[in-house]
Amino acid sequence: MGIGWRHIDQHLGAGHRRFRRRASATIDYFLIICIVLPLAAFIMRIAPRAIHSVYDLLTVVVAWPFM
């Protein structure tokens, strides 16, 4: 059969469950600080250049028949 988490939680009590969730929250904070924030900074730095490139592309597509 095997031992499930419910059986382990009942055996160890509620204090261990809180500790396990606290460790999970630490991983969430780590992911936000180390992955999401640098990615957001990179996107904010690249966004104006990307918008300008799309504007140039659309201008060429619209003006091409009249050249």
Protein backbone atom coordinates (compact mmCIF):
# COMPACT_ATOMS: atom_id res chain seq x y z
CA MET A 1 0.00 0.00 0.00
CA GLY A 2 2.54 2.58 1.04
CA ILE A 3 2.44 5.47 3.44
CA GLY A 4 0.65 8.62 2.24
CA TRP A 5 1.15 12.18 3.42
CA ARG A 6 -2.09 12.04 5.40
CA HIS A 7 -0.75 9.21 7.54
CA ILE A 8 2.58 10.99 8.08
CA ASP A 9 0.80 14.25 9.00
CA GLN A 10 -1.40 12.44 11.51
CA HIS A 11 1.62 10.76 13.02
CA LEU A 12 3.78 13.92 13.32
CA GLY A 13 1.03 16.40 14.24
CA ALA A 14 0.05 19.86 13.07
CA GLY A 15 3.40 21.50 13.91
CA HIS A 16 5.21 19.56 11.21
CA ARG A 17 2.60 20.53 8.61
CA ARG A 18 3.21 24.22 9.32
CA PHE A 19 6.96 23.72 8.96
CA ARG A 20 6.48 21.97 5.60
CA ARG A 21 4.32 24.85 4.32
CA ARG A 22 6.82 27.43 5.57
CA ALA A 23 9.55 25.77 3.52
CA SER A 24 7.28 25.89 0.49
CA ALA A 25 6.69 29.61 1.00
CA THR A 26 10.47 30.14 1.16
CA ILE A 27 10.81 28.51 -2.25
CA ASP A 28 8.07 30.82 -3.58
CA TYR A 29 9.94 33.89 -2.36
CA PHE A 30 13.17 32.58 -3.87
CA LEU A 31 11.49 32.10 -7.26
CA ILE A 32 10.00 35.59 -7.18
CA ILE A 33 13.27 37.30 -6.25
CA CYS A 34 15.64 35.28 -8.43
CA ILE A 35 13.51 34.62 -11.52
CA VAL A 36 10.48 36.89 -11.82
CA LEU A 37 12.10 40.22 -10.88
CA PRO A 38 15.10 39.90 -13.25
CA LEU A 39 12.76 38.74 -16.01
CA ALA A 40 10.50 41.76 -15.45
CA ALA A 41 13.52 44.10 -15.51
CA PHE A 42 14.73 42.50 -18.76
CA ILE A 43 11.29 42.86 -20.38
CA MET A 44 11.03 46.51 -19.31
CA ARG A 45 14.44 47.18 -20.87
CA ILE A 46 13.60 45.37 -24.13
CA ALA A 47 9.99 46.60 -24.50
CA PRO A 48 10.69 50.03 -26.09
CA ARG A 49 12.97 48.47 -28.71
CA ALA A 50 10.39 45.78 -29.49
CA ILE A 51 7.58 48.35 -29.80
CA HIS A 52 9.74 50.44 -32.14
CA SER A 53 10.51 47.37 -34.29
CA VAL A 54 6.83 46.44 -34.57
CA TYR A 55 5.97 50.04 -35.50
CA ASP A 56 8.64 50.01 -38.24
CA LEU A 57 7.36 46.68 -39.55
CA LEU A 58 3.76 47.87 -39.68
CA THR A 59 4.81 51.09 -41.40
CA VAL A 60 6.62 49.11 -44.12
CA VAL A 61 3.67 46.72 -44.58
CA VAL A 62 1.18 49.59 -44.92
CA ALA A 63 3.41 51.79 -47.13
CA TRP A 64 4.71 48.99 -49.39
CA PRO A 65 1.85 49.10 -51.94
CA PHE A 66 2.35 52.83 -52.45
CA MET A 67 6.11 52.67 -53.11
